[in-house]
């Protein structure tokens, strides 16, 4: 389970330190892809394979299913953690998430998300103000 919020910087080569709390579970190789809300999603290789199996069940005749799978999988990259605990985030993913220097890395249960810190702060401010209303909408899920 991934939990917590961490601040890290991209270096000039597009590398970022993976928080040590996440490294063991993500392992030496993991998958980074386009996420929702202009962030990046990070999954273990096994979890990404499980998602791939689920998306195979989506109907090919549905335009949104085709669009989602194209964007999700075409953006994916398997990355290696180097000896210093860094990963090189591909340029197309840095561009997608508007990553420049300061990044916020958060644990979200089954995945890790990488955000541009300014984007995360904006998202957090907006969502935190509505946290109770969001929780009420999810009451049907027994949270």
C-alpha atoms as a PDB file:
ATOM      1  CA  UNK A   1       0.000   0.000   0.000  1.00  0.00           C
ATOM      2  CA  UNK A   2       1.323   3.413  -0.965  1.00  0.00           C
ATOM      3  CA  UNK A   3       0.610   6.308   1.401  1.00  0.00           C
ATOM      4  CA  UNK A   4       2.141   9.691   2.151  1.00  0.00           C
ATOM      5  CA  UNK A   5       3.281  12.860   0.410  1.00  0.00           C
ATOM      6  CA  UNK A   6       6.878  13.697  -0.468  1.00  0.00           C
ATOM      7  CA  UNK A   7       8.685  16.586  -2.158  1.00  0.00           C
ATOM      8  CA  UNK A   8      11.433  15.897  -4.687  1.00  0.00           C
ATOM      9  CA  UNK A   9      13.092  17.790  -7.517  1.00  0.00           C
ATOM     10  CA  UNK A  10      13.792  16.859 -11.101  1.00  0.00           C
ATOM     11  CA  UNK A  11      17.407  17.304 -12.081  1.00  0.00           C
ATOM     12  CA  UNK A  12      18.548  18.742 -15.421  1.00  0.00           C
ATOM     13  CA  UNK A  13      18.414  15.264 -17.002  1.00  0.00           C
ATOM     14  CA  UNK A  14      14.816  14.610 -15.968  1.00  0.00           C
ATOM     15  CA  UNK A  15      15.678  12.308 -13.086  1.00  0.00           C
ATOM     16  CA  UNK A  16      13.843  12.281  -9.787  1.00  0.00           C
ATOM     17  CA  UNK A  17      14.522  10.444  -6.556  1.00  0.00           C
ATOM     18  CA  UNK A  18      11.828   7.889  -5.773  1.00  0.00           C
ATOM     19  CA  UNK A  19      10.808   8.290  -2.128  1.00  0.00           C
ATOM     20  CA  UNK A  20      12.512   5.551  -0.122  1.00  0.00           C
ATOM     21  CA  UNK A  21       9.156   4.534   1.378  1.00  0.00           C
ATOM     22  CA  UNK A  22       7.963   3.591  -2.133  1.00  0.00           C
ATOM     23  CA  UNK A  23      11.123   2.036  -3.590  1.00  0.00           C
ATOM     24  CA  UNK A  24      10.813  -1.429  -2.082  1.00  0.00           C
ATOM     25  CA  UNK A  25       7.250  -1.973  -3.241  1.00  0.00           C
ATOM     26  CA  UNK A  26       7.735  -0.416  -6.695  1.00  0.00           C
ATOM     27  CA  UNK A  27      10.890  -2.511  -7.096  1.00  0.00           C
ATOM     28  CA  UNK A  28      13.844  -1.905  -9.419  1.00  0.00           C
ATOM     29  CA  UNK A  29      11.564  -1.514 -12.442  1.00  0.00           C
ATOM     30  CA  UNK A  30       8.101  -0.035 -12.571  1.00  0.00           C
ATOM     31  CA  UNK A  31       5.703   1.570 -15.023  1.00  0.00           C
ATOM     32  CA  UNK A  32       4.969   5.293 -15.338  1.00  0.00           C
ATOM     33  CA  UNK A  33       2.104   6.464 -17.524  1.00  0.00           C
ATOM     34  CA  UNK A  34      -0.291   9.339 -18.095  1.00  0.00           C
ATOM     35  CA  UNK A  35      -2.631   9.682 -15.175  1.00  0.00           C
ATOM     36  CA  UNK A  36      -5.771  11.675 -14.642  1.00  0.00           C
ATOM     37  CA  UNK A  37      -5.850  15.326 -13.575  1.00  0.00           C
ATOM     38  CA  UNK A  38      -2.499  16.015 -15.323  1.00  0.00           C
ATOM     39  CA  UNK A  39      -0.385  13.831 -13.053  1.00  0.00           C
ATOM     40  CA  UNK A  40       1.581  10.646 -13.705  1.00  0.00           C
ATOM     41  CA  UNK A  41       0.547   7.231 -12.404  1.00  0.00           C
ATOM     42  CA  UNK A  42       3.219   4.753 -11.281  1.00  0.00           C
ATOM     43  CA  UNK A  43       2.468   1.036 -10.933  1.00  0.00           C
ATOM     44  CA  UNK A  44       4.445  -2.077 -10.185  1.00  0.00           C
ATOM     45  CA  UNK A  45       4.917  -4.150 -13.324  1.00  0.00           C
ATOM     46  CA  UNK A  46       2.550  -6.792 -11.916  1.00  0.00           C
ATOM     47  CA  UNK A  47      -0.153  -4.243 -11.109  1.00  0.00           C
ATOM     48  CA  UNK A  48       0.193  -2.726 -14.573  1.00  0.00           C
ATOM     49  CA  UNK A  49      -0.236  -6.169 -16.125  1.00  0.00           C
ATOM     50  CA  UNK A  50      -3.404  -6.631 -14.066  1.00  0.00           C
ATOM     51  CA  UNK A  51      -4.742  -3.302 -15.355  1.00  0.00           C
ATOM     52  CA  UNK A  52      -3.889  -4.392 -18.886  1.00  0.00           C
ATOM     53  CA  UNK A  53      -5.945  -7.560 -18.381  1.00  0.00           C
ATOM     54  CA  UNK A  54      -8.912  -5.514 -17.143  1.00  0.00           C
ATOM     55  CA  UNK A  55      -8.734  -3.111 -20.083  1.00  0.00           C
ATOM     56  CA  UNK A  56      -8.880  -6.075 -22.471  1.00  0.00           C
ATOM     57  CA  UNK A  57     -12.442  -6.515 -21.233  1.00  0.00           C
ATOM     58  CA  UNK A  58     -13.440  -3.045 -22.458  1.00  0.00           C
ATOM     59  CA  UNK A  59     -15.507  -3.144 -25.639  1.00  0.00           C
ATOM     60  CA  UNK A  60     -13.474  -2.195 -28.693  1.00  0.00           C
ATOM     61  CA  UNK A  61     -16.639  -0.757 -30.210  1.00  0.00           C
ATOM     62  CA  UNK A  62     -16.828   1.988 -27.547  1.00  0.00           C
ATOM     63  CA  UNK A  63     -15.011   5.147 -28.618  1.00  0.00           C
ATOM     64  CA  UNK A  64     -14.145   6.200 -25.028  1.00  0.00           C
ATOM     65  CA  UNK A  65     -12.658   2.773 -24.317  1.00  0.00           C
ATOM     66  CA  UNK A  66     -10.435   3.052 -27.396  1.00  0.00           C
ATOM     67  CA  UNK A  67      -9.399   6.590 -26.515  1.00  0.00           C
ATOM     68  CA  UNK A  68      -8.594   5.738 -22.914  1.00  0.00           C
ATOM     69  CA  UNK A  69      -6.536   2.655 -23.729  1.00  0.00           C
ATOM     70  CA  UNK A  70      -4.634   4.454 -26.481  1.00  0.00           C
ATOM     71  CA  UNK A  71      -3.646   7.348 -24.256  1.00  0.00           C
ATOM     72  CA  UNK A  72      -2.991   5.213 -21.181  1.00  0.00           C
ATOM     73  CA  UNK A  73      -0.816   2.582 -22.850  1.00  0.00           C
ATOM     74  CA  UNK A  74       0.925   4.721 -25.479  1.00  0.00           C
ATOM     75  CA  UNK A  75       2.217   6.983 -22.733  1.00  0.00           C
ATOM     76  CA  UNK A  76       3.506   4.147 -20.566  1.00  0.00           C
ATOM     77  CA  UNK A  77       7.201   3.562 -19.974  1.00  0.00           C
ATOM     78  CA  UNK A  78       9.042   0.983 -17.915  1.00  0.00           C
ATOM     79  CA  UNK A  79      11.652   2.805 -15.860  1.00  0.00           C
ATOM     80  CA  UNK A  80      14.627   1.539 -13.885  1.00  0.00           C
ATOM     81  CA  UNK A  81      15.616   2.810 -10.462  1.00  0.00           C
ATOM     82  CA  UNK A  82      19.345   3.616 -10.461  1.00  0.00           C
ATOM     83  CA  UNK A  83      21.784   3.085  -7.579  1.00  0.00           C
ATOM     84  CA  UNK A  84      20.977   6.535  -6.173  1.00  0.00           C
ATOM     85  CA  UNK A  85      17.237   5.717  -6.093  1.00  0.00           C
ATOM     86  CA  UNK A  86      16.390   7.896  -9.097  1.00  0.00           C
ATOM     87  CA  UNK A  87      14.282   7.291 -12.190  1.00  0.00           C
ATOM     88  CA  UNK A  88      14.499   9.105 -15.488  1.00  0.00           C
ATOM     89  CA  UNK A  89      11.019  10.341 -16.348  1.00  0.00           C
ATOM     90  CA  UNK A  90      10.606  10.361 -20.136  1.00  0.00           C
ATOM     91  CA  UNK A  91      10.214  13.795 -21.725  1.00  0.00           C
ATOM     92  CA  UNK A  92       6.735  13.097 -23.121  1.00  0.00           C
ATOM     93  CA  UNK A  93       5.485  12.310 -19.609  1.00  0.00           C
ATOM     94  CA  UNK A  94       7.195  15.361 -18.098  1.00  0.00           C
ATOM     95  CA  UNK A  95       5.485  17.467 -20.759  1.00  0.00           C
ATOM     96  CA  UNK A  96       2.089  15.854 -20.115  1.00  0.00           C
ATOM     97  CA  UNK A  97       2.245  16.542 -16.362  1.00  0.00           C
ATOM     98  CA  UNK A  98       3.945  19.949 -16.758  1.00  0.00           C
ATOM     99  CA  UNK A  99       6.844  18.766 -14.588  1.00  0.00           C
ATOM    100  CA  UNK A 100       9.651  21.274 -14.423  1.00  0.00           C
ATOM    101  CA  UNK A 101      11.601  21.239 -11.167  1.00  0.00           C
ATOM    102  CA  UNK A 102       9.604  20.769  -7.987  1.00  0.00           C
ATOM    103  CA  UNK A 103       7.524  17.577  -7.825  1.00  0.00           C
ATOM    104  CA  UNK A 104       5.137  16.200  -5.252  1.00  0.00           C
ATOM    105  CA  UNK A 105       5.003  12.416  -5.041  1.00  0.00           C
ATOM    106  CA  UNK A 106       1.989  10.921  -3.310  1.00  0.00           C
ATOM    107  CA  UNK A 107       0.907   7.422  -2.383  1.00  0.00           C
ATOM    108  CA  UNK A 108      -2.656   6.591  -3.412  1.00  0.00           C
ATOM    109  CA  UNK A 109      -3.268   3.053  -2.151  1.00  0.00           C
ATOM    110  CA  UNK A 110      -2.359   0.894  -5.164  1.00  0.00           C
ATOM    111  CA  UNK A 111      -0.352   3.478  -7.105  1.00  0.00           C
ATOM    112  CA  UNK A 112       2.059   6.369  -6.770  1.00  0.00           C
ATOM    113  CA  UNK A 113       1.279   9.701  -8.403  1.00  0.00           C
ATOM    114  CA  UNK A 114       3.805  12.318  -9.508  1.00  0.00           C
ATOM    115  CA  UNK A 115       2.557  15.908  -9.670  1.00  0.00           C
ATOM    116  CA  UNK A 116       4.060  19.256 -10.505  1.00  0.00           C
ATOM    117  CA  UNK A 117       4.080  20.830  -7.033  1.00  0.00           C
ATOM    118  CA  UNK A 118       2.120  23.924  -8.102  1.00  0.00           C
ATOM    119  CA  UNK A 119      -0.522  21.722  -9.770  1.00  0.00           C
ATOM    120  CA  UNK A 120      -0.728  19.522  -6.667  1.00  0.00           C
ATOM    121  CA  UNK A 121      -1.122  22.546  -4.411  1.00  0.00           C
ATOM    122  CA  UNK A 122      -3.945  23.874  -6.609  1.00  0.00           C
ATOM    123  CA  UNK A 123      -5.658  20.477  -6.686  1.00  0.00           C
ATOM    124  CA  UNK A 124      -5.221  20.032  -2.952  1.00  0.00           C
ATOM    125  CA  UNK A 125      -6.577  23.483  -2.105  1.00  0.00           C
ATOM    126  CA  UNK A 126      -9.652  22.963  -4.245  1.00  0.00           C
ATOM    127  CA  UNK A 127     -10.297  19.424  -3.012  1.00  0.00           C
ATOM    128  CA  UNK A 128      -9.538  20.035   0.660  1.00  0.00           C
ATOM    129  CA  UNK A 129     -12.181  22.752   0.754  1.00  0.00           C
ATOM    130  CA  UNK A 130     -14.728  20.209  -0.476  1.00  0.00           C
ATOM    131  CA  UNK A 131     -13.472  17.162   1.440  1.00  0.00           C
ATOM    132  CA  UNK A 132     -16.613  16.724   3.524  1.00  0.00           C
ATOM    133  CA  UNK A 133     -18.898  17.002   0.491  1.00  0.00           C
ATOM    134  CA  UNK A 134     -16.759  14.518  -1.423  1.00  0.00           C
ATOM    135  CA  UNK A 135     -16.918  12.120   1.534  1.00  0.00           C
ATOM    136  CA  UNK A 136     -20.702  12.445   1.697  1.00  0.00           C
ATOM    137  CA  UNK A 137     -20.970  11.549  -1.985  1.00  0.00           C
ATOM    138  CA  UNK A 138     -18.959   8.390  -1.299  1.00  0.00           C
ATOM    139  CA  UNK A 139     -21.012   7.289   1.695  1.00  0.00           C
ATOM    140  CA  UNK A 140     -22.667   4.626  -0.456  1.00  0.00           C
ATOM    141  CA  UNK A 141     -19.307   2.872  -0.605  1.00  0.00           C
ATOM    142  CA  UNK A 142     -19.199   2.389   3.187  1.00  0.00           C
ATOM    143  CA  UNK A 143     -16.137   4.584   3.665  1.00  0.00           C
END
